[in-house]
Amino acid sequence: MPKMKTNGSAKKRFKKTASGKLKRKKAYASHILTKKNRKRKRNLGKTALVDSSNFKKISRLLPNL
């Protein structure tokens, strides 16, 4: 059986933490920033963890990480 390939787009978007969780960037931070307040923009810049409901699906895309 051939080796599992890592999904290239997922590789660029997610990183594994030391405890095995997945880090992700938040959406809505790239444009139309004038109507968003400072606090919202600041929080969009921070990373978040992948929710448990999506964890299994995304982990399947990243078998070698």
C-alpha atoms as a PDB file:
ATOM      1  CA  MET A   1       0.000   0.000   0.000  1.00  0.00           C
ATOM      2  CA  PRO A   2       1.409   3.462  -0.902  1.00  0.00           C
ATOM      3  CA  LYS A   3       2.291   6.098   1.640  1.00  0.00           C
ATOM      4  CA  MET A   4      -0.349   8.651   2.674  1.00  0.00           C
ATOM      5  CA  LYS A   5       0.221  12.032   1.027  1.00  0.00           C
ATOM      6  CA  THR A   6       0.001  15.224   3.067  1.00  0.00           C
ATOM      7  CA  ASN A   7      -2.516  17.712   1.690  1.00  0.00           C
ATOM      8  CA  GLY A   8      -0.475  20.720   0.547  1.00  0.00           C
ATOM      9  CA  SER A   9      -3.094  23.378   1.250  1.00  0.00           C
ATOM     10  CA  ALA A  10      -3.710  22.043   4.766  1.00  0.00           C
ATOM     11  CA  LYS A  11       0.046  21.899   5.414  1.00  0.00           C
ATOM     12  CA  LYS A  12       0.239  25.660   4.812  1.00  0.00           C
ATOM     13  CA  ARG A  13      -2.781  26.502   6.983  1.00  0.00           C
ATOM     14  CA  PHE A  14      -2.343  24.332  10.095  1.00  0.00           C
ATOM     15  CA  LYS A  15       0.455  23.596  12.563  1.00  0.00           C
ATOM     16  CA  LYS A  16       0.555  20.952  15.285  1.00  0.00           C
ATOM     17  CA  THR A  17       1.213  22.055  18.858  1.00  0.00           C
ATOM     18  CA  ALA A  18       3.437  20.148  21.279  1.00  0.00           C
ATOM     19  CA  SER A  19       0.358  18.612  22.920  1.00  0.00           C
ATOM     20  CA  GLY A  20      -0.958  17.386  19.545  1.00  0.00           C
ATOM     21  CA  LYS A  21      -3.650  19.995  18.958  1.00  0.00           C
ATOM     22  CA  LEU A  22      -3.940  21.948  15.692  1.00  0.00           C
ATOM     23  CA  LYS A  23      -3.377  25.700  15.429  1.00  0.00           C
ATOM     24  CA  ARG A  24      -5.141  27.802  12.787  1.00  0.00           C
ATOM     25  CA  LYS A  25      -5.406  31.434  11.716  1.00  0.00           C
ATOM     26  CA  LYS A  26      -8.691  33.303  12.131  1.00  0.00           C
ATOM     27  CA  ALA A  27     -10.773  34.369   9.130  1.00  0.00           C
ATOM     28  CA  TYR A  28     -11.988  37.891   8.172  1.00  0.00           C
ATOM     29  CA  ALA A  29      -8.672  39.619   8.894  1.00  0.00           C
ATOM     30  CA  SER A  30      -7.490  40.406   5.355  1.00  0.00           C
ATOM     31  CA  HIS A  31      -9.672  43.239   4.015  1.00  0.00           C
ATOM     32  CA  ILE A  32     -12.548  45.648   4.805  1.00  0.00           C
ATOM     33  CA  LEU A  33     -10.794  46.487   8.067  1.00  0.00           C
ATOM     34  CA  THR A  34     -12.107  50.050   8.372  1.00  0.00           C
ATOM     35  CA  LYS A  35     -15.460  49.025   9.803  1.00  0.00           C
ATOM     36  CA  LYS A  36     -13.957  46.575  12.316  1.00  0.00           C
ATOM     37  CA  ASN A  37     -12.972  48.011  15.670  1.00  0.00           C
ATOM     38  CA  ARG A  38      -9.438  47.813  17.126  1.00  0.00           C
ATOM     39  CA  LYS A  39     -10.226  45.080  19.596  1.00  0.00           C
ATOM     40  CA  ARG A  40     -11.766  42.859  16.915  1.00  0.00           C
ATOM     41  CA  LYS A  41      -8.828  43.333  14.523  1.00  0.00           C
ATOM     42  CA  ARG A  42      -6.332  42.642  17.305  1.00  0.00           C
ATOM     43  CA  ASN A  43      -8.086  39.404  18.225  1.00  0.00           C
ATOM     44  CA  LEU A  44      -8.298  38.316  14.570  1.00  0.00           C
ATOM     45  CA  GLY A  45      -4.501  38.465  14.415  1.00  0.00           C
ATOM     46  CA  LYS A  46      -4.131  35.817  17.110  1.00  0.00           C
ATOM     47  CA  THR A  47      -4.113  32.099  16.412  1.00  0.00           C
ATOM     48  CA  ALA A  48      -6.881  29.764  17.493  1.00  0.00           C
ATOM     49  CA  LEU A  49      -7.194  26.021  17.962  1.00  0.00           C
ATOM     50  CA  VAL A  50      -9.140  23.796  15.601  1.00  0.00           C
ATOM     51  CA  ASP A  51     -12.480  22.790  17.122  1.00  0.00           C
ATOM     52  CA  SER A  52     -12.941  19.180  18.209  1.00  0.00           C
ATOM     53  CA  SER A  53     -15.728  18.705  15.639  1.00  0.00           C
ATOM     54  CA  ASN A  54     -13.264  19.409  12.784  1.00  0.00           C
ATOM     55  CA  PHE A  55     -10.127  17.917  14.335  1.00  0.00           C
ATOM     56  CA  LYS A  56     -10.494  14.391  12.915  1.00  0.00           C
ATOM     57  CA  LYS A  57     -11.196  15.647   9.386  1.00  0.00           C
ATOM     58  CA  ILE A  58      -8.190  17.974   9.323  1.00  0.00           C
ATOM     59  CA  SER A  59      -5.900  15.415  10.976  1.00  0.00           C
ATOM     60  CA  ARG A  60      -6.632  13.063   8.087  1.00  0.00           C
ATOM     61  CA  LEU A  61      -5.249  15.676   5.686  1.00  0.00           C
ATOM     62  CA  LEU A  62      -2.013  15.871   7.697  1.00  0.00           C
ATOM     63  CA  PRO A  63      -0.878  12.275   8.289  1.00  0.00           C
ATOM     64  CA  ASN A  64       2.852  13.037   8.415  1.00  0.00           C
ATOM     65  CA  LEU A  65       2.768  16.010  10.782  1.00  0.00           C
END
